Amino acid sequence: MARHTMMFIATVLGLFFIYSGFAKLNPMLNADLHSNMKKHFVNYARVAPLRTYFDKRFKASDYRQFVGGMEIAGGTGMVLLSGRLSLPASQLIVLLSAAFMIHTHIVLGDPVARAATLIATSLMVVVQMLFTIFSGKSKSPDDAGKKKRRSSDASDEKETKKDIPAPKNEKVIKDGSPREKSKAKKQTPKKKKTKAN
């Protein structure tokens, strides 16, 4: 039950990041949001983490496309992939792009409300990621022993079915289960012959 819930949350979060990434790249989904992003990314590119810490200079449109592409790639991975390593990898891509944007909002001194949605979704992705990583490791040796016992119980049951002889009116099929013979032959009681004196 919990696994299905977490997969649902991963799908919803993935769709959110796909939408956000497409809005950064293409005005087709929401023209107002796209033009608004274009204006803001002029300021965001000046304080981008790559420029701040590594002295890499790039255009605002390049930074917008980079972050949007990361969100689309990570969101698509969250929606389509469900492996134990592939899902956390796509979640890591999403978290990296979110970290870039959260850093940008903090450095610019934007109000917290502006980054609140990004922070909340990032926390949900972190919880989802931790659940995905540790849900596979939580299987204890006792769980593996239970699976082995179940399989051995099933094989023992099959063996006992084969060992039990079928009653005379039943026919044993290949899998060892008894079945009734067809009643094609009607059994009629035999009449006693009397000797005539």
N, C-alpha and C. Protein backbone atom coordinates (compact mmCIF):
# COMPACT_ATOMS: atom_id res chain seq x y z
N MET A 1 0.83 -1.19 0.00
CA MET A 1 0.00 0.00 0.00
C MET A 1 0.87 1.26 0.00
N ALA A 2 1.88 1.27 0.89
CA ALA A 2 2.75 2.45 0.97
C ALA A 2 3.55 2.61 -0.32
N ARG A 3 3.94 1.50 -0.90
CA ARG A 3 4.73 1.57 -2.14
C ARG A 3 3.91 2.19 -3.26
N HIS A 4 2.62 1.81 -3.35
CA HIS A 4 1.76 2.38 -4.39
C HIS A 4 1.55 3.88 -4.16
N THR A 5 1.41 4.26 -2.90
CA THR A 5 1.23 5.67 -2.57
C THR A 5 2.47 6.47 -2.96
N MET A 6 3.64 5.93 -2.66
CA MET A 6 4.86 6.65 -3.00
C MET A 6 5.07 6.72 -4.51
N MET A 7 4.67 5.69 -5.24
CA MET A 7 4.77 5.74 -6.70
C MET A 7 3.81 6.79 -7.26
N PHE A 8 2.63 6.91 -6.65
CA PHE A 8 1.67 7.94 -7.07
C PHE A 8 2.25 9.34 -6.83
N ILE A 9 2.86 9.52 -5.66
CA ILE A 9 3.46 10.82 -5.34
C ILE A 9 4.60 11.13 -6.30
N ALA A 10 5.40 10.12 -6.62
CA ALA A 10 6.51 10.32 -7.56
C ALA A 10 5.97 10.73 -8.93
N THR A 11 4.87 10.13 -9.35
CA THR A 11 4.29 10.46 -10.65
C THR A 11 3.77 11.90 -10.66
N VAL A 12 3.07 12.29 -9.59
CA VAL A 12 2.53 13.66 -9.52
C VAL A 12 3.67 14.69 -9.48
N LEU A 13 4.69 14.42 -8.67
CA LEU A 13 5.82 15.34 -8.61
C LEU A 13 6.56 15.39 -9.95
N GLY A 14 6.69 14.24 -10.60
CA GLY A 14 7.34 14.21 -11.91
C GLY A 14 6.58 15.05 -12.92
N LEU A 15 5.26 14.93 -12.91
CA LEU A 15 4.44 15.74 -13.83
C LEU A 15 4.56 17.23 -13.52
N PHE A 16 4.65 17.56 -12.23
CA PHE A 16 4.84 18.96 -11.84
C PHE A 16 6.14 19.51 -12.42
N PHE A 17 7.22 18.75 -12.28
CA PHE A 17 8.51 19.23 -12.78
C PHE A 17 8.56 19.23 -14.30
N ILE A 18 7.88 18.30 -14.95
CA ILE A 18 7.81 18.33 -16.41
C ILE A 18 7.10 19.59 -16.87
N TYR A 19 5.98 19.92 -16.22
CA TYR A 19 5.23 21.13 -16.57
C TYR A 19 6.09 22.37 -16.34
N SER A 20 6.77 22.42 -15.20
CA SER A 20 7.61 23.57 -14.88
C SER A 20 8.75 23.71 -15.89
N GLY A 21 9.35 22.60 -16.28
CA GLY A 21 10.43 22.64 -17.26
C GLY A 21 9.96 23.09 -18.62
N PHE A 22 8.81 22.58 -19.06
CA PHE A 22 8.27 23.01 -20.35
C PHE A 22 7.88 24.48 -20.34
N ALA A 23 7.40 24.96 -19.19
CA ALA A 23 7.04 26.38 -19.10
C ALA A 23 8.27 27.26 -19.23
N LYS A 24 9.43 26.78 -18.78
CA LYS A 24 10.66 27.54 -18.92
C LYS A 24 11.15 27.54 -20.36
N LEU A 25 10.88 26.46 -21.09
CA LEU A 25 11.42 26.32 -22.45
C LEU A 25 10.49 26.79 -23.55
N ASN A 26 9.21 26.62 -23.38
CA ASN A 26 8.28 26.81 -24.48
C ASN A 26 7.06 27.62 -24.04
N PRO A 27 6.66 28.64 -24.77
CA PRO A 27 5.49 29.43 -24.39
C PRO A 27 4.16 28.74 -24.75
N MET A 28 4.22 27.57 -25.35
CA MET A 28 2.99 26.90 -25.81
C MET A 28 2.06 26.54 -24.65
N LEU A 29 2.60 26.09 -23.52
CA LEU A 29 1.76 25.68 -22.39
C LEU A 29 1.11 26.88 -21.70
N ASN A 30 1.92 27.87 -21.38
CA ASN A 30 1.42 29.04 -20.67
C ASN A 30 2.29 30.24 -21.07
N ALA A 31 1.78 31.07 -21.95
CA ALA A 31 2.56 32.17 -22.50
C ALA A 31 2.92 33.20 -21.43
N ASP A 32 2.00 33.48 -20.51
CA ASP A 32 2.27 34.47 -19.45
C ASP A 32 3.38 33.98 -18.53
N LEU A 33 3.30 32.70 -18.14
CA LEU A 33 4.31 32.13 -17.25
C LEU A 33 5.68 32.12 -17.94
N HIS A 34 5.69 31.80 -19.22
CA HIS A 34 6.95 31.75 -19.97
C HIS A 34 7.58 33.14 -20.06
N SER A 35 6.79 34.15 -20.37
CA SER A 35 7.36 35.51 -20.46
C SER A 35 7.81 36.01 -19.09
N ASN A 36 7.09 35.64 -18.04
CA ASN A 36 7.48 35.99 -16.69
C ASN A 36 8.81 35.33 -16.32
N MET A 37 8.97 34.06 -16.71
CA MET A 37 10.22 33.34 -16.45
C MET A 37 11.38 33.99 -17.21
N LYS A 38 11.11 34.40 -18.44
CA LYS A 38 12.17 35.04 -19.22
C LYS A 38 12.69 36.29 -18.52
N LYS A 39 11.77 37.09 -17.97
CA LYS A 39 12.17 38.32 -17.27
C LYS A 39 12.99 37.99 -16.03
N HIS A 40 12.52 37.02 -15.25
CA HIS A 40 13.20 36.68 -13.99
C HIS A 40 14.55 36.02 -14.21
N PHE A 41 14.67 35.25 -15.26
CA PHE A 41 15.93 34.54 -15.48
C PHE A 41 17.07 35.48 -15.89
N VAL A 42 16.75 36.71 -16.28
CA VAL A 42 17.81 37.69 -16.52
C VAL A 42 18.54 37.96 -15.20
N ASN A 43 17.79 38.13 -14.12
CA ASN A 43 18.39 38.33 -12.80
C ASN A 43 19.00 37.03 -12.26
N TYR A 44 18.31 35.90 -12.51
CA TYR A 44 18.77 34.61 -11.99
C TYR A 44 20.13 34.23 -12.56
N ALA A 45 20.37 34.55 -13.83
CA ALA A 45 21.63 34.18 -14.47
C ALA A 45 22.82 34.92 -13.86
N ARG A 46 22.59 36.09 -13.31
CA ARG A 46 23.68 36.86 -12.70
C ARG A 46 24.19 36.23 -11.41
N VAL A 47 23.28 35.53 -10.70
CA VAL A 47 23.67 34.94 -9.40
C VAL A 47 23.57 33.41 -9.43
N ALA A 48 23.58 32.84 -10.60
CA ALA A 48 23.49 31.38 -10.71
C ALA A 48 24.66 30.72 -9.99
N PRO A 49 24.44 29.54 -9.40
CA PRO A 49 25.52 28.88 -8.65
C PRO A 49 26.77 28.63 -9.48
N LEU A 50 26.61 28.29 -10.75
CA LEU A 50 27.79 28.04 -11.59
C LEU A 50 28.61 29.31 -11.80
N ARG A 51 27.92 30.43 -11.88
CA ARG A 51 28.63 31.70 -12.08
C ARG A 51 29.24 32.18 -10.76
N THR A 52 28.49 32.00 -9.67
CA THR A 52 28.96 32.48 -8.37
C THR A 52 30.20 31.72 -7.89
N TYR A 53 30.17 30.40 -7.99
CA TYR A 53 31.24 29.60 -7.41
C TYR A 53 32.33 29.18 -8.40
N PHE A 54 31.99 29.07 -9.66
CA PHE A 54 32.98 28.60 -10.63
C PHE A 54 33.34 29.64 -11.69
N ASP A 55 32.79 30.82 -11.56
CA ASP A 55 33.05 31.93 -12.49
C ASP A 55 32.76 31.56 -13.95
N LYS A 56 31.69 30.83 -14.15
CA LYS A 56 31.24 30.49 -15.51
C LYS A 56 30.17 31.49 -15.90
N ARG A 57 30.36 32.15 -17.01
CA ARG A 57 29.39 33.13 -17.48
C ARG A 57 28.58 32.54 -18.62
N PHE A 58 27.28 32.76 -18.57
CA PHE A 58 26.40 32.31 -19.65
C PHE A 58 25.17 33.19 -19.70
N LYS A 59 24.46 33.09 -20.79
CA LYS A 59 23.28 33.94 -21.01
C LYS A 59 22.12 33.47 -20.14
N ALA A 60 21.18 34.38 -19.94
CA ALA A 60 19.97 34.06 -19.17
C ALA A 60 19.17 32.96 -19.86
N SER A 61 19.11 33.01 -21.19
CA SER A 61 18.34 31.98 -21.91
C SER A 61 19.00 30.62 -21.78
N ASP A 62 20.34 30.58 -21.74
CA ASP A 62 21.04 29.31 -21.55
C ASP A 62 20.77 28.72 -20.17
N TYR A 63 20.80 29.58 -19.15
CA TYR A 63 20.52 29.11 -17.79
C TYR A 63 19.08 28.62 -17.67
N ARG A 64 18.15 29.35 -18.28
CA ARG A 64 16.74 28.94 -18.27
C ARG A 64 16.56 27.60 -18.97
N GLN A 65 17.21 27.42 -20.10
CA GLN A 65 17.10 26.15 -20.83
C GLN A 65 17.77 25.01 -20.07
N PHE A 66 18.89 25.31 -19.41
CA PHE A 66 19.57 24.29 -18.63
C PHE A 66 18.70 23.79 -17.48
N VAL A 67 18.14 24.72 -16.71
CA VAL A 67 17.28 24.34 -15.58
C VAL A 67 16.01 23.66 -16.08
N GLY A 68 15.40 24.19 -17.13
CA GLY A 68 14.19 23.58 -17.69
C GLY A 68 14.45 22.18 -18.22
N GLY A 69 15.59 22.00 -18.88
CA GLY A 69 15.95 20.67 -19.39
C GLY A 69 16.17 19.67 -18.28
N MET A 70 16.82 20.11 -17.20
CA MET A 70 17.03 19.22 -16.05
C MET A 70 15.69 18.83 -15.42
N GLU A 71 14.78 19.79 -15.31
CA GLU A 71 13.48 19.49 -14.72
C GLU A 71 12.70 18.51 -15.60
N ILE A 72 12.75 18.68 -16.90
CA ILE A 72 12.05 17.76 -17.80
C ILE A 72 12.66 16.36 -17.72
N ALA A 73 14.00 16.29 -17.74
CA ALA A 73 14.66 14.99 -17.69
C ALA A 73 14.37 14.27 -16.37
N GLY A 74 14.50 14.98 -15.27
CA GLY A 74 14.24 14.37 -13.96
C GLY A 74 12.78 14.01 -13.77
N GLY A 75 11.88 14.90 -14.20
CA GLY A 75 10.45 14.62 -14.07
C GLY A 75 10.02 13.44 -14.91
N THR A 76 10.55 13.34 -16.13
CA THR A 76 10.23 12.19 -16.98
C THR A 76 10.73 10.90 -16.35
N GLY A 77 11.92 10.95 -15.77
CA GLY A 77 12.45 9.78 -15.08
C GLY A 77 11.58 9.38 -13.90
N MET A 78 11.08 10.37 -13.16
CA MET A 78 10.22 10.05 -12.01
C MET A 78 8.91 9.43 -12.45
N VAL A 79 8.40 9.84 -13.60
CA VAL A 79 7.12 9.29 -14.09
C VAL A 79 7.31 7.91 -14.69
N LEU A 80 8.36 7.73 -15.49
CA LEU A 80 8.50 6.49 -16.26
C LEU A 80 9.35 5.42 -15.60
N LEU A 81 10.32 5.79 -14.81
CA LEU A 81 11.23 4.81 -14.24
C LEU A 81 10.80 4.41 -12.84
N SER A 82 11.00 3.14 -12.52
CA SER A 82 10.63 2.70 -11.18
C SER A 82 11.69 1.80 -10.57
N GLY A 83 12.87 1.76 -11.15
CA GLY A 83 13.93 0.92 -10.62
C GLY A 83 14.52 1.46 -9.34
N ARG A 84 15.24 0.60 -8.63
CA ARG A 84 15.80 1.01 -7.36
C ARG A 84 16.93 2.01 -7.52
N LEU A 85 17.58 2.03 -8.66
CA LEU A 85 18.65 3.00 -8.90
C LEU A 85 18.24 4.10 -9.87
N SER A 86 17.37 3.77 -10.81
CA SER A 86 17.00 4.77 -11.82
C SER A 86 16.08 5.85 -11.26
N LEU A 87 15.16 5.47 -10.39
CA LEU A 87 14.26 6.48 -9.80
C LEU A 87 15.02 7.47 -8.92
N PRO A 88 15.90 7.01 -8.01
CA PRO A 88 16.67 7.99 -7.24
C PRO A 88 17.58 8.85 -8.11
N ALA A 89 18.08 8.31 -9.22
CA ALA A 89 18.92 9.11 -10.11
C ALA A 89 18.12 10.26 -10.72
N SER A 90 16.89 9.97 -11.16
CA SER A 90 16.06 11.03 -11.72
C SER A 90 15.63 12.02 -10.63
N GLN A 91 15.41 11.53 -9.43
CA GLN A 91 15.07 12.42 -8.32
C GLN A 91 16.25 13.33 -7.97
N LEU A 92 17.45 12.80 -8.11
CA LEU A 92 18.65 13.60 -7.85
C LEU A 92 18.79 14.73 -8.87
N ILE A 93 18.44 14.44 -10.12
CA ILE A 93 18.48 15.48 -11.16
C ILE A 93 17.49 16.59 -10.82
N VAL A 94 16.30 16.21 -10.40
CA VAL A 94 15.28 17.20 -10.03
C VAL A 94 15.74 18.02 -8.82
N LEU A 95 16.32 17.33 -7.84
CA LEU A 95 16.80 18.05 -6.65
C LEU A 95 17.94 19.01 -6.99
N LEU A 96 18.78 18.64 -7.93
CA LEU A 96 19.88 19.52 -8.33
C LEU A 96 19.34 20.79 -8.99
N SER A 97 18.36 20.63 -9.87
CA SER A 97 17.78 21.82 -10.50
C SER A 97 17.04 22.68 -9.48
N ALA A 98 16.35 22.02 -8.53
CA ALA A 98 15.67 22.78 -7.47
C ALA A 98 16.67 23.52 -6.59
N ALA A 99 17.81 22.87 -6.31
CA ALA A 99 18.84 23.52 -5.50
C ALA A 99 19.40 24.75 -6.21
N PHE A 100 19.57 24.67 -7.53
CA PHE A 100 20.01 25.84 -8.29
C PHE A 100 19.03 26.99 -8.11
N MET A 101 17.76 26.69 -8.23
CA MET A 101 16.75 27.76 -8.15
C MET A 101 16.59 28.29 -6.73
N ILE A 102 16.65 27.41 -5.72
CA ILE A 102 16.54 27.87 -4.33
C ILE A 102 17.73 28.76 -3.99
N HIS A 103 18.92 28.35 -4.42
CA HIS A 103 20.11 29.18 -4.21
C HIS A 103 19.93 30.55 -4.85
N THR A 104 19.40 30.57 -6.06
CA THR A 104 19.20 31.82 -6.77
C THR A 104 18.24 32.74 -6.01
N HIS A 105 17.14 32.19 -5.50
CA HIS A 105 16.17 33.00 -4.75
C HIS A 105 16.78 33.54 -3.46
N ILE A 106 17.61 32.73 -2.79
CA ILE A 106 18.22 33.16 -1.53
C ILE A 106 19.23 34.29 -1.79
N VAL A 107 20.06 34.13 -2.81
CA VAL A 107 21.08 35.14 -3.11
C VAL A 107 20.44 36.45 -3.54
N LEU A 108 19.36 36.39 -4.31
CA LEU A 108 18.68 37.61 -4.74
C LEU A 108 17.90 38.27 -3.61
N GLY A 109 17.66 37.54 -2.52
CA GLY A 109 16.92 38.10 -1.40
C GLY A 109 15.42 38.11 -1.65
N ASP A 110 14.95 37.21 -2.50
CA ASP A 110 13.51 37.10 -2.75
C ASP A 110 12.80 36.66 -1.48
N PRO A 111 11.52 37.02 -1.34
CA PRO A 111 10.78 36.54 -0.17
C PRO A 111 10.63 35.01 -0.21
N VAL A 112 10.50 34.42 0.95
CA VAL A 112 10.42 32.96 1.06
C VAL A 112 9.20 32.43 0.31
N ALA A 113 8.14 33.21 0.26
CA ALA A 113 6.92 32.77 -0.42
C ALA A 113 7.19 32.48 -1.90
N ARG A 114 8.16 33.17 -2.46
CA ARG A 114 8.48 32.96 -3.88
C ARG A 114 9.09 31.59 -4.13
N ALA A 115 9.85 31.08 -3.16
CA ALA A 115 10.49 29.78 -3.30
C ALA A 115 9.79 28.69 -2.50
N ALA A 116 8.66 29.00 -1.88
CA ALA A 116 7.99 28.04 -1.00
C ALA A 116 7.55 26.78 -1.74
N THR A 117 6.99 26.94 -2.93
CA THR A 117 6.54 25.78 -3.70
C THR A 117 7.72 24.90 -4.06
N LEU A 118 8.80 25.51 -4.45
CA LEU A 118 10.00 24.76 -4.82
C LEU A 118 10.59 24.04 -3.61
N ILE A 119 10.60 24.69 -2.46
CA ILE A 119 11.11 24.06 -1.24
C ILE A 119 10.23 22.89 -0.83
N ALA A 120 8.91 23.08 -0.87
CA ALA A 120 7.98 22.01 -0.48
C ALA A 120 8.11 20.80 -1.40
N THR A 121 8.14 21.04 -2.70
CA THR A 121 8.26 19.91 -3.62
C THR A 121 9.62 19.23 -3.48
N SER A 122 10.66 19.99 -3.19
CA SER A 122 11.98 19.39 -2.98
C SER A 122 11.99 18.50 -1.75
N LEU A 123 11.34 18.94 -0.68
CA LEU A 123 11.24 18.09 0.51
C LEU A 123 10.47 16.81 0.23
N MET A 124 9.40 16.91 -0.55
CA MET A 124 8.66 15.70 -0.91
C MET A 124 9.51 14.75 -1.75
N VAL A 125 10.31 15.31 -2.63
CA VAL A 125 11.19 14.47 -3.45
C VAL A 125 12.24 13.80 -2.57
N VAL A 126 12.77 14.51 -1.58
CA VAL A 126 13.75 13.92 -0.67
C VAL A 126 13.14 12.76 0.10
N VAL A 127 11.93 12.94 0.63
CA VAL A 127 11.25 11.86 1.36
C VAL A 127 11.00 10.67 0.43
N GLN A 128 10.54 10.96 -0.77
CA GLN A 128 10.30 9.91 -1.76
C GLN A 128 11.59 9.16 -2.07
N MET A 129 12.67 9.91 -2.23
CA MET A 129 13.97 9.30 -2.55
C MET A 129 14.44 8.39 -1.42
N LEU A 130 14.33 8.86 -0.19
CA LEU A 130 14.74 8.05 0.95
C LEU A 130 13.89 6.78 1.06
N PHE A 131 12.59 6.90 0.82
CA PHE A 131 11.72 5.73 0.85
C PHE A 131 12.12 4.73 -0.23
N THR A 132 12.41 5.22 -1.42
CA THR A 132 12.78 4.34 -2.52
C THR A 132 14.09 3.61 -2.22
N ILE A 133 15.05 4.33 -1.67
CA ILE A 133 16.35 3.72 -1.39
C ILE A 133 16.25 2.70 -0.26
N PHE A 134 15.57 3.07 0.81
CA PHE A 134 15.57 2.21 1.99
C PHE A 134 14.46 1.16 1.99
N SER A 135 13.49 1.26 1.12
CA SER A 135 12.44 0.23 1.09
C SER A 135 12.98 -1.10 0.59
N GLY A 136 13.94 -1.08 -0.30
CA GLY A 136 14.53 -2.32 -0.80
C GLY A 136 15.49 -2.93 0.21
N LYS A 137 16.13 -2.10 1.05
CA LYS A 137 17.08 -2.61 2.03
C LYS A 137 16.39 -3.09 3.30
N SER A 138 15.13 -2.75 3.50
CA SER A 138 14.46 -3.09 4.75
C SER A 138 14.07 -4.56 4.83
N LYS A 139 14.25 -5.29 3.76
CA LYS A 139 13.91 -6.71 3.80
C LYS A 139 14.96 -7.44 4.62
N SER A 140 14.53 -7.94 5.76
CA SER A 140 15.45 -8.61 6.65
C SER A 140 15.63 -10.07 6.23
N PRO A 141 16.61 -10.75 6.82
CA PRO A 141 16.79 -12.16 6.50
C PRO A 141 15.57 -13.00 6.86
N ASP A 142 14.79 -12.52 7.85
CA ASP A 142 13.57 -13.25 8.21
C ASP A 142 12.59 -13.27 7.05
N ASP A 143 12.49 -12.15 6.31
CA ASP A 143 11.59 -12.11 5.15
C ASP A 143 12.03 -13.10 4.09
N ALA A 144 13.34 -13.19 3.86
CA ALA A 144 13.85 -14.14 2.88
C ALA A 144 13.57 -15.57 3.34
N GLY A 145 13.71 -15.82 4.66
CA GLY A 145 13.41 -17.14 5.19
C GLY A 145 11.95 -17.50 5.03
N LYS A 146 11.06 -16.51 5.20
CA LYS A 146 9.63 -16.77 5.01
C LYS A 146 9.34 -17.15 3.58
N LYS A 147 9.98 -16.47 2.62
CA LYS A 147 9.76 -16.82 1.22
C LYS A 147 10.24 -18.23 0.92
N LYS A 148 11.41 -18.60 1.49
CA LYS A 148 11.92 -19.94 1.26
C LYS A 148 10.99 -20.97 1.87
N ARG A 149 10.47 -20.69 3.07
CA ARG A 149 9.55 -21.62 3.71
C ARG A 149 8.28 -21.78 2.91
N ARG A 150 7.77 -20.67 2.37
CA ARG A 150 6.55 -20.75 1.56
C ARG A 150 6.77 -21.62 0.33
N SER A 151 7.91 -21.43 -0.33
CA SER A 151 8.17 -22.22 -1.53
C SER A 151 8.39 -23.68 -1.18
N SER A 152 9.06 -23.96 -0.04
CA SER A 152 9.27 -25.36 0.33
C SER A 152 7.96 -26.00 0.77
N ASP A 153 7.07 -25.23 1.44
CA ASP A 153 5.76 -25.76 1.81
C ASP A 153 4.96 -26.12 0.57
N ALA A 154 5.04 -25.28 -0.45
CA ALA A 154 4.30 -25.56 -1.68
C ALA A 154 4.84 -26.82 -2.36
N SER A 155 6.16 -26.99 -2.37
CA SER A 155 6.73 -28.18 -3.00
C SER A 155 6.42 -29.42 -2.18
N ASP A 156 6.40 -29.30 -0.83
CA ASP A 156 6.03 -30.44 0.01
C ASP A 156 4.59 -30.86 -0.25
N GLU A 157 3.72 -29.87 -0.44
CA GLU A 157 2.31 -30.16 -0.70
C GLU A 157 2.16 -30.92 -2.01
N LYS A 158 2.92 -30.53 -3.03
CA LYS A 158 2.86 -31.22 -4.31
C LYS A 158 3.34 -32.66 -4.17
N GLU A 159 4.42 -32.85 -3.39
CA GLU A 159 4.96 -34.19 -3.21
C GLU A 159 3.97 -35.08 -2.48
N THR A 160 3.28 -34.55 -1.48
CA THR A 160 2.33 -35.38 -0.75
C THR A 160 1.15 -35.75 -1.63
N LYS A 161 0.76 -34.85 -2.52
CA LYS A 161 -0.33 -35.19 -3.44
C LYS A 161 0.07 -36.35 -4.35
N LYS A 162 1.34 -36.38 -4.75
CA LYS A 162 1.79 -37.44 -5.64
C LYS A 162 1.91 -38.77 -4.89
N ASP A 163 2.25 -38.72 -3.61
CA ASP A 163 2.47 -39.94 -2.84
C ASP A 163 1.19 -40.64 -2.44
N ILE A 164 0.10 -39.94 -2.32
CA ILE A 164 -1.16 -40.53 -1.89
C ILE A 164 -1.78 -41.28 -3.06
N PRO A 165 -2.04 -42.56 -2.89
CA PRO A 165 -2.68 -43.29 -4.00
C PRO A 165 -4.14 -42.86 -4.14
N ALA A 166 -4.58 -42.86 -5.36
CA ALA A 166 -5.96 -42.46 -5.63
C ALA A 166 -6.89 -43.62 -5.32
N PRO A 167 -8.08 -43.32 -4.84
CA PRO A 167 -9.07 -44.39 -4.65
C PRO A 167 -9.39 -45.05 -5.98
N LYS A 168 -10.02 -46.23 -5.90
CA LYS A 168 -10.26 -47.02 -7.10
C LYS A 168 -11.18 -46.32 -8.10
N ASN A 169 -12.11 -45.51 -7.61
CA ASN A 169 -13.03 -44.87 -8.54
C ASN A 169 -12.50 -43.53 -9.06
N GLU A 170 -11.26 -43.18 -8.73
CA GLU A 170 -10.68 -41.94 -9.20
C GLU A 170 -9.46 -42.22 -10.05
N LYS A 171 -9.21 -41.35 -10.96
CA LYS A 171 -8.07 -41.46 -11.86
C LYS A 171 -7.06 -40.38 -11.50
N VAL A 172 -5.78 -40.70 -11.45
CA VAL A 172 -4.74 -39.72 -11.12
C VAL A 172 -4.26 -39.07 -12.40
N ILE A 173 -4.34 -37.75 -12.43
CA ILE A 173 -3.89 -36.97 -13.57
C ILE A 173 -2.39 -36.71 -13.40
N LYS A 174 -1.70 -36.21 -14.43
CA LYS A 174 -0.26 -36.00 -14.42
C LYS A 174 0.22 -35.16 -13.24
N ASP A 175 -0.53 -34.13 -12.85
CA ASP A 175 -0.06 -33.25 -11.78
C ASP A 175 -0.23 -33.85 -10.40
N GLY A 176 -0.78 -35.04 -10.29
CA GLY A 176 -0.90 -35.71 -9.01
C GLY A 176 -2.24 -35.54 -8.35
N SER A 177 -3.15 -34.80 -8.93
CA SER A 177 -4.44 -34.59 -8.29
C SER A 177 -5.43 -35.66 -8.78
N PRO A 178 -6.20 -36.24 -7.87
CA PRO A 178 -7.16 -37.28 -8.29
C PRO A 178 -8.39 -36.66 -8.95
N ARG A 179 -8.90 -37.32 -9.94
CA ARG A 179 -10.13 -36.90 -10.61
C ARG A 179 -11.01 -38.12 -10.78
N GLU A 180 -12.30 -37.91 -10.79
CA GLU A 180 -13.21 -39.05 -10.97
C GLU A 180 -13.16 -39.54 -12.40
N LYS A 181 -13.28 -40.84 -12.54
CA LYS A 181 -13.36 -41.40 -13.88
C LYS A 181 -14.68 -41.01 -14.48
N SER A 182 -14.70 -40.96 -15.77
CA SER A 182 -15.98 -40.63 -16.41
C SER A 182 -16.95 -41.78 -16.19
N LYS A 183 -18.17 -41.43 -16.06
CA LYS A 183 -19.20 -42.45 -15.78
C LYS A 183 -19.84 -42.93 -17.07
N ALA A 184 -18.98 -43.18 -18.02
CA ALA A 184 -19.49 -43.66 -19.30
C ALA A 184 -20.05 -45.07 -19.15
N LYS A 185 -19.38 -45.87 -18.35
CA LYS A 185 -19.87 -47.24 -18.13
C LYS A 185 -20.81 -47.23 -16.95
N LYS A 186 -21.96 -47.65 -17.18
CA LYS A 186 -22.92 -47.74 -16.08
C LYS A 186 -22.74 -49.09 -15.41
N GLN A 187 -22.67 -49.03 -14.14
CA GLN A 187 -22.52 -50.29 -13.42
C GLN A 187 -23.92 -50.82 -13.11
N THR A 188 -24.17 -51.99 -13.62
CA THR A 188 -25.46 -52.64 -13.33
C THR A 188 -25.20 -53.83 -12.45
N PRO A 189 -26.05 -54.01 -11.48
CA PRO A 189 -25.83 -55.17 -10.59
C PRO A 189 -26.01 -56.48 -11.38
N LYS A 190 -25.12 -57.41 -11.14
CA LYS A 190 -25.20 -58.70 -11.83
C LYS A 190 -26.27 -59.55 -11.16
N LYS A 191 -27.05 -60.21 -11.99
CA LYS A 191 -28.08 -61.11 -11.47
C LYS A 191 -27.47 -62.47 -11.20
N LYS A 192 -27.92 -63.03 -10.10
CA LYS A 192 -27.43 -64.37 -9.77
C LYS A 192 -28.14 -65.39 -10.63
N LYS A 193 -27.32 -66.26 -11.15
CA LYS A 193 -27.91 -67.34 -11.94
C LYS A 193 -28.32 -68.47 -11.01
N THR A 194 -29.46 -68.88 -11.21
CA THR A 194 -29.97 -70.00 -10.41
C THR A 194 -29.92 -71.26 -11.25
N LYS A 195 -29.59 -72.36 -10.64
CA LYS A 195 -29.55 -73.64 -11.37
C LYS A 195 -30.95 -74.22 -11.35
N ALA A 196 -31.28 -74.59 -12.46
CA ALA A 196 -32.57 -75.26 -12.56
C ALA A 196 -32.39 -76.74 -12.26
N ASN A 197 -33.17 -77.31 -11.37
CA ASN A 197 -33.10 -78.73 -11.03
C ASN A 197 -33.95 -79.51 -11.91
